[in-house]
Amino acid sequence: MRKMTKFLSAAAMTLSVVALAPATQAAVFAQFSPVSNKTNFLWLNNGGVYAVDPDGSGPIKAGDQTNTGSGGSFFSTATASASVAGATAIAFTLFDDPNLVNLKASLFLTGTAINTPTVYDGATFKQVNVNGSFDVIYTGNTARYLNGVKVASGGTLVTKNSHLLTGTFTNAWLEGSGGAGSFDIDVSNGGHAIFASPYDPFTHIDPDSESFSIHLGANAPGFGAKTPGVTAMKTFRANGGGNFSDVALPEPSSWALMIMGFGGVGAVLRSRRRAAFA
C-alpha cells in the first residue's frame, strides 16, 4: 500500500510539473488593418468578368455575375475598382517587436484555386485549395522607432521598402455567407504556411504552426456560387484586415522540468518492479 502511495505521489508530481509548462497554442504575433473602408480584396471567378463603379460602391450589374468557372484567383488590389493584383495600403504591427506599431505599409497578396468547386453546407460557402503568397512592405521613410514613435537613436531601424513580413501558403480557405466572411489558413484545415521577416527570427516556433486570418466585410455582391459542387465561388469584392499567428515551442527549461517529472515516475515504476520480483 505504501508503494502504491509513493507511485501515486510521483504521478501527481509529474502532472503538476507538466501543468507548469506553458501550453502550446496559437498566438497572434502581427496584424494589419486597411487604411480605408473601401474594397481592397477581390475574388475573381475564372469564368466571369466583374466590374463596379470607380469608388467601389456598386451597383453590380447582372451581366457581371456569369461566374461559371471551376476556379479563380484571390488577391489584394491597389484601388477599389482594380481587376488586377496590386498592393493595398495598410497599417502593420509586429507584436514580437514592441517598437513596430502601426507602420505605414502595403500588402501584396495573390492566391489561386484550380478546378476546385465551392463547398456549400446549407449555410456557408467555402472555396478551398487556394495557394499563393504575400508580401508586407514598409512604405514610410527610413527611421528608427521606439514603442511606435520615431526617435533619433535607439529603438528599431526600419528601412524604406524593406520586407516586414513575407509568406507562402497552400490550401487557404475563403468562406462566409452573405456579405461577411474570411480568408484563412490553418493546419487544422490541412493548410500550410511559411513566414519570414528580418524583424522576427521565428527561432522558437513550431515550423508547422503558422496561420493567418483575414476578415472580409462589405462583400459585394456577397458569398455564393452559381452551382455549388460544380462551379467556384462567384466573383466578389471585400474590405479586409487581419492577423498572423504561430505556436511557440516550450522553452528549454520547461522541457527539462517535464523530463525530470517523467523520470521520477519511471524511477518509481522500476522500484516497484524490482520489489515485486524480489
Protein backbone atom coordinates (compact mmCIF):
# COMPACT_ATOMS: atom_id res chain seq x y z
CA MET A 1 0.00 0.00 0.00
CA ARG A 2 2.87 2.31 0.88
CA LYS A 3 4.49 1.60 -2.52
CA MET A 4 1.22 2.44 -4.29
CA THR A 5 1.00 5.69 -2.33
CA LYS A 6 4.54 6.55 -3.38
CA PHE A 7 3.68 5.82 -7.02
CA LEU A 8 0.55 7.97 -6.91
CA SER A 9 2.52 10.79 -5.31
CA ALA A 10 5.15 10.65 -8.05
CA ALA A 11 2.47 10.60 -10.73
CA ALA A 12 0.80 13.62 -9.15
CA MET A 13 4.16 15.38 -9.03
CA THR A 14 4.68 14.70 -12.74
CA LEU A 15 1.25 16.01 -13.64
CA SER A 16 1.92 19.17 -11.65
CA VAL A 17 5.27 19.65 -13.38
CA VAL A 18 3.68 19.21 -16.81
CA ALA A 19 0.95 21.65 -15.82
CA LEU A 20 3.63 24.23 -15.06
CA ALA A 21 4.90 24.01 -18.65
CA PRO A 22 3.29 26.58 -20.95
CA ALA A 23 0.52 25.22 -23.18
CA THR A 24 1.23 25.27 -26.89
CA GLN A 25 -1.48 27.35 -28.50
CA ALA A 26 -1.58 29.80 -31.38
CA ALA A 27 -0.77 33.40 -30.54
CA VAL A 28 -1.12 36.46 -32.76
CA PHE A 29 2.30 37.94 -33.49
CA ALA A 30 1.32 40.52 -36.16
CA GLN A 31 -1.76 42.24 -37.51
CA PHE A 32 -2.78 44.68 -40.21
CA SER A 33 -5.73 46.95 -40.88
CA PRO A 34 -6.77 48.71 -44.10
CA VAL A 35 -6.29 52.47 -44.26
CA SER A 36 -9.80 53.00 -45.67
CA ASN A 37 -13.15 51.25 -45.72
CA LYS A 38 -13.07 50.83 -49.50
CA THR A 39 -12.76 47.37 -51.00
CA ASN A 40 -9.15 46.15 -51.11
CA PHE A 41 -9.55 42.44 -51.97
CA LEU A 42 -11.04 40.71 -55.00
CA TRP A 43 -12.03 37.11 -55.64
CA LEU A 44 -12.22 36.73 -59.42
CA ASN A 45 -14.02 33.65 -60.73
CA ASN A 46 -12.20 32.42 -63.83
CA GLY A 47 -15.46 32.07 -65.78
CA GLY A 48 -16.81 35.57 -65.39
CA VAL A 49 -15.98 39.28 -65.54
CA TYR A 50 -16.59 41.65 -62.67
CA ALA A 51 -16.75 45.44 -62.54
CA VAL A 52 -18.07 48.12 -60.22
CA ASP A 53 -18.19 51.87 -60.42
CA PRO A 54 -14.90 53.72 -59.74
CA ASP A 55 -15.42 54.28 -56.00
CA GLY A 56 -16.23 50.63 -55.35
CA SER A 57 -19.77 51.15 -54.07
CA GLY A 58 -21.71 49.45 -56.91
CA PRO A 59 -24.16 48.89 -58.36
CA ILE A 60 -23.44 45.35 -59.53
CA LYS A 61 -24.82 44.57 -62.97
CA ALA A 62 -26.48 41.19 -63.60
CA GLY A 63 -24.24 40.62 -66.61
CA ASP A 64 -21.17 40.82 -64.38
CA GLN A 65 -22.20 37.71 -62.45
CA THR A 66 -21.77 34.94 -65.04
CA ASN A 67 -19.17 33.19 -62.81
CA THR A 68 -19.29 29.76 -64.43
CA GLY A 69 -15.65 28.75 -63.88
CA SER A 70 -14.45 26.00 -61.52
CA GLY A 71 -11.55 28.04 -60.14
CA GLY A 72 -10.37 31.57 -59.67
CA SER A 73 -7.96 33.98 -58.01
CA PHE A 74 -8.00 35.92 -54.74
CA PHE A 75 -5.78 38.99 -54.49
CA SER A 76 -5.23 42.42 -53.00
CA THR A 77 -5.96 45.46 -55.17
CA ALA A 78 -4.38 48.89 -55.29
CA THR A 79 -7.74 50.61 -55.81
CA ALA A 80 -11.37 49.78 -55.08
CA SER A 81 -12.14 49.14 -58.76
CA ALA A 82 -8.95 47.43 -59.98
CA SER A 83 -9.34 43.98 -61.52
CA VAL A 84 -5.66 43.01 -61.31
CA ALA A 85 -3.47 42.23 -58.32
CA GLY A 86 -1.89 45.22 -56.63
CA ALA A 87 -0.53 46.46 -53.29
CA THR A 88 -3.15 47.69 -50.84
CA ALA A 89 -2.25 50.33 -48.24
CA ILE A 90 -2.32 49.07 -44.64
CA ALA A 91 -1.16 49.84 -41.10
CA PHE A 92 1.04 46.99 -39.85
CA THR A 93 2.00 45.99 -36.30
CA LEU A 94 4.57 43.35 -35.35
CA PHE A 95 3.91 42.40 -31.72
CA ASP A 96 7.13 40.39 -31.44
CA ASP A 97 8.96 43.74 -31.70
CA PRO A 98 7.14 46.28 -29.47
CA ASN A 99 8.71 49.13 -31.42
CA LEU A 100 6.93 48.30 -34.66
CA VAL A 101 3.40 49.64 -34.18
CA ASN A 102 1.02 50.88 -36.91
CA LEU A 103 3.73 51.22 -39.53
CA LYS A 104 2.84 52.57 -42.96
CA ALA A 105 2.98 49.57 -45.25
CA SER A 106 1.46 47.83 -48.24
CA LEU A 107 0.22 44.26 -48.60
CA PHE A 108 0.56 42.40 -51.89
CA LEU A 109 -1.28 39.07 -51.74
CA THR A 110 -2.16 36.63 -54.51
CA GLY A 111 -3.74 33.19 -54.40
CA THR A 112 -5.18 30.81 -56.99
CA ALA A 113 -7.57 27.85 -56.90
CA ILE A 114 -7.61 25.49 -59.89
CA ASN A 115 -10.57 23.21 -60.66
CA THR A 116 -11.91 23.48 -57.13
CA PRO A 117 -15.70 23.89 -56.90
CA THR A 118 -17.32 25.64 -53.96
CA VAL A 119 -18.49 23.58 -50.99
CA TYR A 120 -21.85 24.61 -49.52
CA ASP A 121 -23.26 23.13 -46.28
CA GLY A 122 -26.60 24.92 -46.42
CA ALA A 123 -25.33 27.98 -44.58
CA THR A 124 -21.70 28.72 -45.51
CA PHE A 125 -19.90 28.79 -48.84
CA LYS A 126 -16.31 27.51 -48.83
CA GLN A 127 -13.70 27.90 -51.55
CA VAL A 128 -10.78 25.67 -50.58
CA ASN A 129 -7.34 24.88 -52.01
CA VAL A 130 -6.24 28.48 -52.60
CA ASN A 131 -2.45 28.56 -52.97
CA GLY A 132 -0.25 31.65 -53.13
CA SER A 133 1.96 34.16 -51.34
CA PHE A 134 2.00 37.58 -49.69
CA ASP A 135 4.47 40.38 -49.00
CA VAL A 136 4.17 43.23 -46.47
CA ILE A 137 6.45 46.15 -47.42
CA TYR A 138 7.25 49.21 -45.31
CA THR A 139 6.32 52.33 -47.29
CA GLY A 140 7.40 55.04 -44.84
CA ASN A 141 10.75 56.81 -44.82
CA THR A 142 13.77 55.11 -43.24
CA ALA A 143 13.51 55.79 -39.50
CA ARG A 144 14.06 54.44 -36.01
CA TYR A 145 11.00 53.52 -33.94
CA LEU A 146 10.68 53.14 -30.19
CA ASN A 147 7.28 51.89 -28.99
CA GLY A 148 5.74 53.07 -32.23
CA VAL A 149 7.26 56.56 -32.10
CA LYS A 150 10.05 57.84 -34.35
CA VAL A 151 13.25 58.56 -32.41
CA ALA A 152 16.71 59.89 -33.27
CA SER A 153 18.55 56.92 -31.77
CA GLY A 154 17.89 53.52 -30.25
CA GLY A 155 14.77 51.53 -30.96
CA THR A 156 14.44 49.55 -34.19
CA LEU A 157 15.72 50.83 -37.52
CA VAL A 158 13.21 50.28 -40.34
CA THR A 159 14.40 50.85 -43.89
CA LYS A 160 12.08 52.18 -46.58
CA ASN A 161 10.83 49.43 -48.91
CA SER A 162 12.03 46.71 -46.53
CA HIS A 163 10.01 43.50 -46.33
CA LEU A 164 8.32 43.45 -42.92
CA LEU A 165 6.76 40.01 -43.39
CA THR A 166 6.59 37.59 -46.31
CA GLY A 167 4.98 34.20 -46.68
CA THR A 168 3.77 31.39 -48.90
CA PHE A 169 0.69 29.28 -48.30
CA THR A 170 -1.19 26.23 -49.58
CA ASN A 171 -4.82 25.23 -49.10
CA ALA A 172 -6.15 28.50 -47.74
CA TRP A 173 -9.93 28.84 -47.40
CA LEU A 174 -12.36 31.52 -48.48
CA GLU A 175 -15.55 31.08 -46.52
CA GLY A 176 -18.62 33.00 -45.47
CA SER A 177 -22.25 33.81 -46.14
CA GLY A 178 -23.99 36.98 -47.17
CA GLY A 179 -21.69 39.98 -47.04
CA ALA A 180 -19.16 38.79 -44.43
CA GLY A 181 -16.60 36.02 -44.11
CA SER A 182 -12.87 35.37 -44.04
CA PHE A 183 -9.77 34.18 -45.85
CA ASP A 184 -7.90 31.77 -43.59
CA ILE A 185 -5.15 29.23 -43.40
CA ASP A 186 -4.75 26.81 -40.52
CA VAL A 187 -3.08 23.44 -40.06
CA SER A 188 -6.34 22.05 -38.66
CA ASN A 189 -7.89 22.60 -42.10
CA GLY A 190 -4.99 20.97 -43.91
CA GLY A 191 -3.35 24.30 -44.70
CA HIS A 192 0.34 25.11 -44.58
CA ALA A 193 2.23 28.41 -44.47
CA ILE A 194 5.83 29.56 -44.12
CA PHE A 195 6.59 33.08 -42.81
CA ALA A 196 9.82 35.09 -42.86
CA SER A 197 10.84 38.51 -41.56
CA PRO A 198 14.12 40.35 -40.98
CA TYR A 199 12.50 41.80 -37.84
CA ASP A 200 11.40 38.46 -36.35
CA PRO A 201 13.73 35.40 -36.45
CA PHE A 202 10.96 32.83 -35.74
CA THR A 203 13.57 30.72 -33.93
CA HIS A 204 11.34 29.25 -31.21
CA ILE A 205 8.13 28.33 -33.02
CA ASP A 206 6.64 25.12 -34.32
CA PRO A 207 7.54 25.32 -38.04
CA ASP A 208 4.16 23.81 -38.98
CA SER A 209 2.05 26.22 -36.91
CA GLU A 210 1.98 29.40 -39.00
CA SER A 211 -1.53 30.65 -39.79
CA PHE A 212 -3.42 33.78 -40.73
CA SER A 213 -6.98 35.05 -40.76
CA ILE A 214 -8.23 37.95 -42.86
CA HIS A 215 -11.71 39.19 -42.02
CA LEU A 216 -13.69 40.12 -45.13
CA GLY A 217 -16.55 42.56 -44.75
CA ALA A 218 -18.78 44.65 -47.01
CA ASN A 219 -18.64 41.88 -49.60
CA ALA A 220 -20.35 42.79 -52.87
CA PRO A 221 -22.33 41.04 -54.17
CA GLY A 222 -21.67 38.58 -51.31
CA PHE A 223 -20.59 34.96 -50.96
CA GLY A 224 -22.21 32.48 -53.31
CA ALA A 225 -21.79 30.04 -56.17
CA LYS A 226 -23.83 29.52 -59.31
CA THR A 227 -23.81 25.74 -58.82
CA PRO A 228 -22.15 24.59 -55.55
CA GLY A 229 -20.10 21.45 -56.09
CA VAL A 230 -19.65 22.30 -59.76
CA THR A 231 -18.59 25.95 -60.07
CA ALA A 232 -16.21 28.01 -57.99
CA MET A 233 -17.33 30.90 -55.82
CA LYS A 234 -18.90 33.87 -57.58
CA THR A 235 -16.74 36.94 -58.04
CA PHE A 236 -16.88 39.46 -55.19
CA ARG A 237 -15.01 42.42 -53.71
CA ALA A 238 -14.44 42.99 -50.00
CA ASN A 239 -12.69 45.16 -47.44
CA GLY A 240 -10.32 43.25 -45.19
CA GLY A 241 -7.82 43.35 -42.35
CA GLY A 242 -6.39 40.51 -40.32
CA ASN A 243 -3.71 38.87 -38.23
CA PHE A 244 -0.88 36.34 -38.37
CA SER A 245 -0.30 33.66 -35.74
CA ASP A 246 2.10 30.89 -34.75
CA VAL A 247 2.71 28.49 -31.86
CA ALA A 248 5.76 28.96 -29.66
CA LEU A 249 7.64 25.84 -28.59
CA PRO A 250 8.26 25.34 -24.83
CA GLU A 251 11.46 26.92 -23.55
CA PRO A 252 14.37 24.52 -22.84
CA SER A 253 13.82 24.97 -19.09
CA SER A 254 10.21 23.80 -19.47
CA TRP A 255 11.31 20.70 -21.38
CA ALA A 256 13.82 19.98 -18.60
CA LEU A 257 11.08 20.16 -15.95
CA MET A 258 8.87 17.76 -17.90
CA ILE A 259 11.73 15.29 -18.46
CA MET A 260 12.57 15.37 -14.74
CA GLY A 261 8.92 14.71 -13.88
CA PHE A 262 8.59 11.76 -16.22
CA GLY A 263 11.93 10.46 -14.97
CA GLY A 264 10.57 10.47 -11.42
CA VAL A 265 7.62 8.30 -12.39
CA GLY A 266 9.94 5.96 -14.28
CA ALA A 267 12.12 5.53 -11.19
CA VAL A 268 9.11 4.62 -9.02
CA LEU A 269 7.89 2.11 -11.61
CA ARG A 270 11.31 0.46 -11.75
CA SER A 271 11.42 0.31 -7.95
CA ARG A 272 8.01 -1.37 -7.78
CA ARG A 273 9.01 -3.88 -10.49
CA ARG A 274 12.18 -4.87 -8.54
CA ALA A 275 10.21 -5.21 -5.29
CA ALA A 276 7.59 -7.43 -6.96
CA PHE A 277 10.22 -9.92 -8.15
CA ALA A 278 12.41 -9.81 -5.06
